[in-house]
Amino acid sequence: MRIAVLGAGAWGTALAIALAAKHDVRLWGRDAAQLASIAATRTNSKYLPGVSLDASIRVTAILAEAIGDADLALIVTSTGGLAATVSSALQTAARRSPDSLPLVWACKGFIKATGQLPHETIAALVPVGTNYGALSGPSFADEVARGLPCALTLACNDLGFATSTAATLSGGALRVYSSADLIGVELGGALKNVMAIAAGISDGMQLGLNARAALITRGLAEMVRLGVAMGGKPETFMGLTGVGDLILTATGDLSRNRRVGMLLAEGKSLDTILSDLGHVAEGVNSAATTLALAHRHHVSMPITEAVNAVLFQQANPRDAVKALLAREAKAE
């Protein structure tokens, strides 16, 4: 398969590396200077240092060269850049062929400007009959780039497309499962980042492994409640894009969202944390939208409320934890 990977950050580069063993891969990004450096050195020193790109990966800052005769566009930008990248890819693809270009995106979170899930925005942009979907699951870019085992889920608007494409993308250390639950898969990818911030706060306060386990478990319960209320399938949240991604993001040292929580517990301001981080922490962008959706669907999400209070209302993390512990006891 000819795959255009659109987005040359850490995750886009990692997926390009992982897929290149089996597919014809082109890697595109907006920063021409960065792409020239990657092409010359075969290393993305800015976002994924120490990992080499195979010589077969074509690196370009020209979108038409990346799209070319691609069979699939794999969009690996932030959620904030997804709509613009999809629009550009579709316009470019329309010049080369009347057939619609299948789209898969690998970003997690809500569209900040609208509060929509990615597939809701994409559905309004693509021609009728276009196959599209979300690739998600527990995955740190550095490990995928180094060829360590990873399992992901591909959820699409058409189950046949999801099944065939998942089988095609699977290979080597990368295993891809198929799903038709776009709502559940995308919500899992967005909500787990909020819970990871909570787990990071707990770890930063040195509350122990028992507290972390409790937060992860009760956080998963919040995810399921909202997911089902919005039309997702409960079993999706028991899989890779729910509990799997939650465990990784809430416990892994490479997790940016967990890192945000830990630094908040140390008393650092959110502005300082995000400035020093140098990467997108989608949990910060997703927290307020998650709480708004909880209110809209009349779903209780106390951990999400506590995270929002710390992020945006200058609540003391210790006070937020005390408030959670003081909640009235009830059946699980």
Protein backbone atom coordinates (compact mmCIF):
# COMPACT_ATOMS: atom_id res chain seq x y z
CA MET A 1 0.00 0.00 0.00
CA ARG A 2 1.13 3.54 -0.76
CA ILE A 3 0.67 5.61 2.42
CA ALA A 4 1.01 9.38 2.80
CA VAL A 5 1.80 10.16 6.44
CA LEU A 6 0.80 13.79 6.94
CA GLY A 7 2.48 15.22 10.00
CA ALA A 8 6.17 14.95 10.84
CA GLY A 9 6.03 15.18 14.63
CA ALA A 10 7.09 12.34 16.89
CA TRP A 11 4.02 10.18 16.29
CA GLY A 12 3.88 10.76 12.55
CA THR A 13 7.56 9.92 12.21
CA ALA A 14 7.19 6.82 14.38
CA LEU A 15 4.28 5.52 12.33
CA ALA A 16 6.15 6.20 9.10
CA ILE A 17 9.08 4.16 10.41
CA ALA A 18 6.86 1.31 11.60
CA LEU A 19 4.89 1.11 8.35
CA ALA A 20 7.86 1.44 6.01
CA ALA A 21 8.88 -2.18 6.51
CA LYS A 22 5.77 -3.29 4.64
CA HIS A 23 4.53 -0.27 2.68
CA ASP A 24 5.58 2.56 0.36
CA VAL A 25 5.60 5.50 2.80
CA ARG A 26 5.89 9.23 2.16
CA LEU A 27 6.30 11.58 5.15
CA TRP A 28 5.04 15.16 4.82
CA GLY A 29 5.17 18.17 7.13
CA ARG A 30 4.60 21.93 6.92
CA ASP A 31 8.08 22.99 8.05
CA ALA A 32 10.22 22.82 4.91
CA ALA A 33 13.48 23.36 6.81
CA GLN A 34 12.68 20.57 9.25
CA LEU A 35 11.74 18.20 6.42
CA ALA A 36 14.95 19.02 4.56
CA SER A 37 16.91 18.18 7.70
CA ILE A 38 15.05 14.89 8.14
CA ALA A 39 15.65 13.98 4.50
CA ALA A 40 19.36 14.78 4.76
CA THR A 41 20.09 13.17 8.13
CA ARG A 42 17.38 10.46 8.11
CA THR A 43 16.60 11.51 11.69
CA ASN A 44 13.87 13.72 13.16
CA SER A 45 16.18 15.35 15.66
CA LYS A 46 13.53 17.81 16.86
CA TYR A 47 10.78 15.37 17.81
CA LEU A 48 12.26 11.87 17.74
CA PRO A 49 16.04 12.05 18.23
CA GLY A 50 18.15 8.93 18.12
CA VAL A 51 15.91 6.95 15.76
CA SER A 52 16.77 6.57 12.07
CA LEU A 53 14.33 6.63 9.16
CA ASP A 54 14.66 3.88 6.60
CA ALA A 55 16.05 5.03 3.27
CA SER A 56 12.83 3.93 1.55
CA ILE A 57 10.74 6.63 3.30
CA ARG A 58 10.27 9.59 0.99
CA VAL A 59 10.37 12.85 2.94
CA THR A 60 8.81 15.97 1.43
CA ALA A 61 7.33 19.34 2.32
CA ILE A 62 5.28 19.34 -0.91
CA LEU A 63 1.82 17.94 -0.26
CA ALA A 64 1.21 16.89 -3.88
CA GLU A 65 4.34 14.74 -3.77
CA ALA A 66 3.18 13.05 -0.57
CA ILE A 67 -0.36 12.45 -1.82
CA GLY A 68 0.78 11.47 -5.31
CA ASP A 69 -0.88 8.16 -6.05
CA ALA A 70 -1.34 7.29 -2.38
CA ASP A 71 -3.90 4.65 -1.42
CA LEU A 72 -4.34 6.11 2.06
CA ALA A 73 -3.71 9.41 3.82
CA LEU A 74 -2.69 8.87 7.44
CA ILE A 75 -3.04 12.22 9.19
CA VAL A 76 -0.89 12.60 12.29
CA THR A 77 -1.30 16.21 13.36
CA SER A 78 -2.75 17.60 16.57
CA THR A 79 -6.54 17.73 16.67
CA GLY A 80 -6.22 21.48 16.18
CA GLY A 81 -4.57 20.96 12.81
CA LEU A 82 -6.71 18.05 11.65
CA ALA A 83 -9.46 19.87 9.73
CA ALA A 84 -7.06 22.11 7.81
CA THR A 85 -4.84 19.17 6.88
CA VAL A 86 -7.80 17.09 5.74
CA SER A 87 -9.10 19.95 3.60
CA SER A 88 -5.70 20.43 1.96
CA ALA A 89 -5.28 16.70 1.39
CA LEU A 90 -8.72 16.39 -0.22
CA GLN A 91 -8.11 19.36 -2.52
CA THR A 92 -4.76 17.93 -3.57
CA ALA A 93 -6.17 14.44 -4.08
CA ALA A 94 -9.07 15.76 -6.18
CA ARG A 95 -6.59 17.08 -8.74
CA ARG A 96 -5.06 13.66 -9.28
CA SER A 97 -8.15 11.42 -9.35
CA PRO A 98 -11.95 11.60 -9.23
CA ASP A 99 -11.92 8.81 -6.63
CA SER A 100 -12.07 9.90 -3.00
CA LEU A 101 -8.92 9.39 -0.94
CA PRO A 102 -9.43 7.21 2.16
CA LEU A 103 -8.46 9.03 5.36
CA VAL A 104 -7.24 7.80 8.73
CA TRP A 105 -6.20 10.12 11.54
CA ALA A 106 -4.09 9.31 14.59
CA CYS A 107 -4.75 12.30 16.85
CA LYS A 108 -6.64 12.13 20.14
CA GLY A 109 -8.90 14.72 21.70
CA PHE A 110 -11.70 17.10 20.78
CA ILE A 111 -11.69 19.79 18.11
CA LYS A 112 -11.08 22.78 20.37
CA ALA A 113 -13.04 25.35 18.39
CA THR A 114 -16.23 23.26 18.24
CA GLY A 115 -15.96 20.64 20.97
CA GLN A 116 -16.65 17.96 18.37
CA LEU A 117 -15.01 14.59 18.11
CA PRO A 118 -12.74 14.38 15.05
CA HIS A 119 -15.06 12.16 13.02
CA GLU A 120 -17.91 14.65 13.42
CA THR A 121 -15.79 17.37 11.84
CA ILE A 122 -14.35 15.13 9.13
CA ALA A 123 -17.77 13.79 8.09
CA ALA A 124 -18.79 17.32 7.09
CA LEU A 125 -15.65 17.82 4.99
CA VAL A 126 -15.31 14.66 2.92
CA PRO A 127 -17.18 13.69 -0.26
CA VAL A 128 -20.06 11.27 0.15
CA GLY A 129 -18.79 7.70 0.09
CA THR A 130 -15.34 8.47 1.49
CA ASN A 131 -13.94 5.86 3.83
CA TYR A 132 -12.39 7.32 6.98
CA GLY A 133 -11.49 6.38 10.52
CA ALA A 134 -9.46 6.89 13.68
CA LEU A 135 -6.33 4.95 14.63
CA SER A 136 -5.90 4.94 18.39
CA GLY A 137 -4.60 2.94 21.33
CA PRO A 138 -1.80 2.74 23.90
CA SER A 139 1.26 3.97 22.06
CA PHE A 140 4.34 5.98 22.90
CA ALA A 141 6.03 7.20 19.72
CA ASP A 142 9.56 6.40 20.85
CA GLU A 143 8.76 2.74 21.48
CA VAL A 144 6.91 2.30 18.18
CA ALA A 145 9.79 3.92 16.28
CA ARG A 146 12.25 1.52 17.93
CA GLY A 147 10.23 -1.48 16.80
CA LEU A 148 8.82 -2.50 20.17
CA PRO A 149 5.44 -4.28 20.17
CA CYS A 150 2.33 -2.13 19.99
CA ALA A 151 -1.38 -2.85 19.48
CA LEU A 152 -3.83 -0.25 18.14
CA THR A 153 -7.47 -0.10 17.08
CA LEU A 154 -8.76 1.29 13.79
CA ALA A 155 -12.40 2.44 14.01
CA CYS A 156 -14.06 3.48 10.75
CA ASN A 157 -17.34 4.62 9.28
CA ASP A 158 -17.38 1.37 7.32
CA LEU A 159 -16.54 -1.89 9.10
CA GLY A 160 -15.37 -3.57 5.90
CA PHE A 161 -12.87 -0.77 5.32
CA ALA A 162 -11.77 -0.97 8.96
CA THR A 163 -11.25 -4.72 8.74
CA SER A 164 -9.29 -4.71 5.48
CA THR A 165 -7.19 -1.68 6.36
CA ALA A 166 -6.37 -2.95 9.86
CA ALA A 167 -5.15 -6.20 8.33
CA THR A 168 -3.06 -4.31 5.79
CA LEU A 169 -1.46 -2.01 8.37
CA SER A 170 -0.64 -4.86 10.75
CA GLY A 171 2.83 -6.25 10.44
CA GLY A 172 6.02 -6.79 12.35
CA ALA A 173 5.68 -5.46 15.90
CA LEU A 174 2.57 -3.41 15.03
CA ARG A 175 -0.81 -5.12 15.45
CA VAL A 176 -4.01 -3.33 14.44
CA TYR A 177 -7.53 -4.39 15.41
CA SER A 178 -10.72 -3.18 13.69
CA SER A 179 -13.86 -1.56 15.11
CA ALA A 180 -17.00 0.24 13.95
CA ASP A 181 -17.32 2.22 17.20
CA LEU A 182 -15.89 5.58 16.18
CA ILE A 183 -17.55 7.37 19.09
CA GLY A 184 -16.17 4.99 21.71
CA VAL A 185 -12.67 4.84 20.25
CA GLU A 186 -12.36 8.61 19.91
CA LEU A 187 -13.84 9.30 23.34
CA GLY A 188 -11.44 6.81 24.90
CA GLY A 189 -8.51 8.62 23.32
CA ALA A 190 -9.73 12.01 24.55
CA LEU A 191 -10.93 11.18 28.05
CA LYS A 192 -7.96 9.10 29.16
CA ASN A 193 -5.74 12.17 28.87
CA VAL A 194 -7.86 14.02 31.43
CA MET A 195 -7.62 11.06 33.81
CA ALA A 196 -3.86 10.90 33.26
CA ILE A 197 -3.55 14.47 34.53
CA ALA A 198 -5.39 13.38 37.68
CA ALA A 199 -3.06 10.39 38.10
CA GLY A 200 -0.08 12.70 37.62
CA ILE A 201 -1.35 15.00 40.36
CA SER A 202 -1.67 11.99 42.66
CA ASP A 203 1.85 10.79 41.83
CA GLY A 204 3.26 14.29 42.19
CA MET A 205 1.77 14.49 45.68
CA GLN A 206 3.27 11.06 46.45
CA LEU A 207 -0.11 9.63 47.45
CA GLY A 208 1.02 6.11 46.58
CA LEU A 209 0.16 3.28 44.26
CA ASN A 210 -3.16 2.54 45.97
CA ALA A 211 -4.37 6.06 45.21
CA ARG A 212 -3.21 5.83 41.60
CA ALA A 213 -5.03 2.53 41.12
CA ALA A 214 -8.19 4.02 42.60
CA LEU A 215 -7.99 7.05 40.32
CA ILE A 216 -7.47 4.92 37.23
CA THR A 217 -10.37 2.65 38.11
CA ARG A 218 -12.82 5.40 39.02
CA GLY A 219 -11.58 7.43 36.05
CA LEU A 220 -12.43 4.52 33.77
CA ALA A 221 -15.91 4.43 35.30
CA GLU A 222 -16.35 8.09 34.37
CA MET A 223 -15.17 7.40 30.83
CA VAL A 224 -17.65 4.55 30.41
CA ARG A 225 -20.57 6.57 31.79
CA LEU A 226 -20.00 9.44 29.40
CA GLY A 227 -19.13 7.17 26.49
CA VAL A 228 -22.32 5.15 26.76
CA ALA A 229 -24.41 8.33 27.19
CA MET A 230 -22.95 9.62 23.92
CA GLY A 231 -23.56 6.42 21.98
CA GLY A 232 -20.32 4.51 22.44
CA LYS A 233 -20.21 0.81 23.25
CA PRO A 234 -19.22 -0.10 26.82
CA GLU A 235 -16.99 -2.94 25.59
CA THR A 236 -14.88 -0.45 23.62
CA PHE A 237 -13.78 1.13 26.89
CA MET A 238 -12.62 -2.28 28.15
CA GLY A 239 -10.27 -2.55 25.19
CA LEU A 240 -7.11 -0.97 23.83
CA THR A 241 -8.51 2.52 23.30
CA GLY A 242 -10.14 2.64 26.73
CA VAL A 243 -8.52 0.90 29.66
CA GLY A 244 -5.39 0.09 27.64
CA ASP A 245 -4.60 3.66 26.69
CA LEU A 246 -5.66 4.88 30.14
CA ILE A 247 -3.20 2.60 31.92
CA LEU A 248 -0.34 3.63 29.64
CA THR A 249 -1.01 7.36 29.84
CA ALA A 250 -1.70 7.40 33.57
CA THR A 251 1.39 5.39 34.55
CA GLY A 252 4.03 5.79 31.84
CA ASP A 253 6.98 8.09 32.38
CA LEU A 254 6.77 9.20 28.73
CA SER A 255 3.21 10.51 29.20
CA ARG A 256 2.96 14.26 28.70
CA ASN A 257 -0.43 14.46 30.39
CA ARG A 258 0.79 12.62 33.48
CA ARG A 259 3.76 14.99 33.51
CA VAL A 260 1.41 17.99 33.50
CA GLY A 261 -0.34 16.62 36.57
CA MET A 262 2.91 15.98 38.41
CA LEU A 263 4.14 19.52 37.77
CA LEU A 264 0.80 20.98 38.88
CA ALA A 265 1.22 19.06 42.14
CA GLU A 266 4.62 20.73 42.56
CA GLY A 267 2.89 24.11 42.43
CA LYS A 268 3.95 25.19 38.94
CA SER A 269 1.53 27.27 36.90
CA LEU A 270 -0.17 25.78 33.87
CA ASP A 271 1.30 28.42 31.56
CA THR A 272 4.82 27.60 32.73
CA ILE A 273 4.25 23.87 32.40
CA LEU A 274 2.93 24.09 28.84
CA SER A 275 5.71 26.46 27.81
CA ASP A 276 8.40 24.14 29.15
CA LEU A 277 6.77 20.98 27.82
CA GLY A 278 7.35 21.84 24.17
CA HIS A 279 4.70 19.35 23.01
CA VAL A 280 0.92 19.29 22.95
CA ALA A 281 -0.74 17.84 26.08
CA GLU A 282 -4.21 17.06 24.74
CA GLY A 283 -5.65 16.46 28.21
CA VAL A 284 -5.46 20.19 28.93
CA ASN A 285 -7.44 20.96 25.78
CA SER A 286 -9.92 18.13 26.44
CA ALA A 287 -10.70 18.76 30.11
CA ALA A 288 -13.17 21.62 29.74
CA THR A 289 -14.95 20.00 26.79
CA THR A 290 -15.26 16.75 28.72
CA LEU A 291 -16.87 18.53 31.66
CA ALA A 292 -19.26 20.41 29.37
CA LEU A 293 -20.30 17.12 27.75
CA ALA A 294 -20.79 15.55 31.18
CA HIS A 295 -23.16 18.36 32.15
CA ARG A 296 -24.99 18.16 28.83
CA HIS A 297 -25.56 14.42 29.20
CA HIS A 298 -26.21 14.57 32.96
CA VAL A 299 -23.26 12.31 33.76
CA SER A 300 -21.42 12.48 37.08
CA MET A 301 -17.65 12.98 36.55
CA PRO A 302 -16.10 14.15 39.85
CA ILE A 303 -12.50 13.43 38.84
CA THR A 304 -12.98 15.48 35.67
CA GLU A 305 -14.45 18.31 37.75
CA ALA A 306 -11.43 18.22 40.07
CA VAL A 307 -8.98 18.31 37.15
CA ASN A 308 -10.78 21.32 35.67
CA ALA A 309 -10.70 23.11 39.01
CA VAL A 310 -6.93 22.67 39.25
CA LEU A 311 -6.28 23.54 35.60
CA PHE A 312 -8.53 26.57 35.18
CA GLN A 313 -9.75 27.76 38.58
CA GLN A 314 -6.42 27.84 40.42
CA ALA A 315 -7.66 25.23 42.87
CA ASN A 316 -4.96 23.77 45.10
CA PRO A 317 -4.32 20.15 44.09
CA ARG A 318 -4.40 19.05 47.72
CA ASP A 319 -7.79 20.67 48.22
CA ALA A 320 -9.08 18.97 45.07
CA VAL A 321 -7.92 15.58 46.35
CA LYS A 322 -9.49 16.22 49.77
CA ALA A 323 -12.78 17.09 48.08
CA LEU A 324 -12.74 13.79 46.18
CA LEU A 325 -11.98 11.83 49.35
CA ALA A 326 -14.77 13.62 51.23
CA ARG A 327 -17.46 12.56 48.76
CA GLU A 328 -20.33 10.59 50.21
CA ALA A 329 -19.78 6.83 50.18
CA LYS A 330 -21.96 4.89 47.76
CA ALA A 331 -22.17 1.58 45.92
CA GLU A 332 -19.50 1.09 43.27
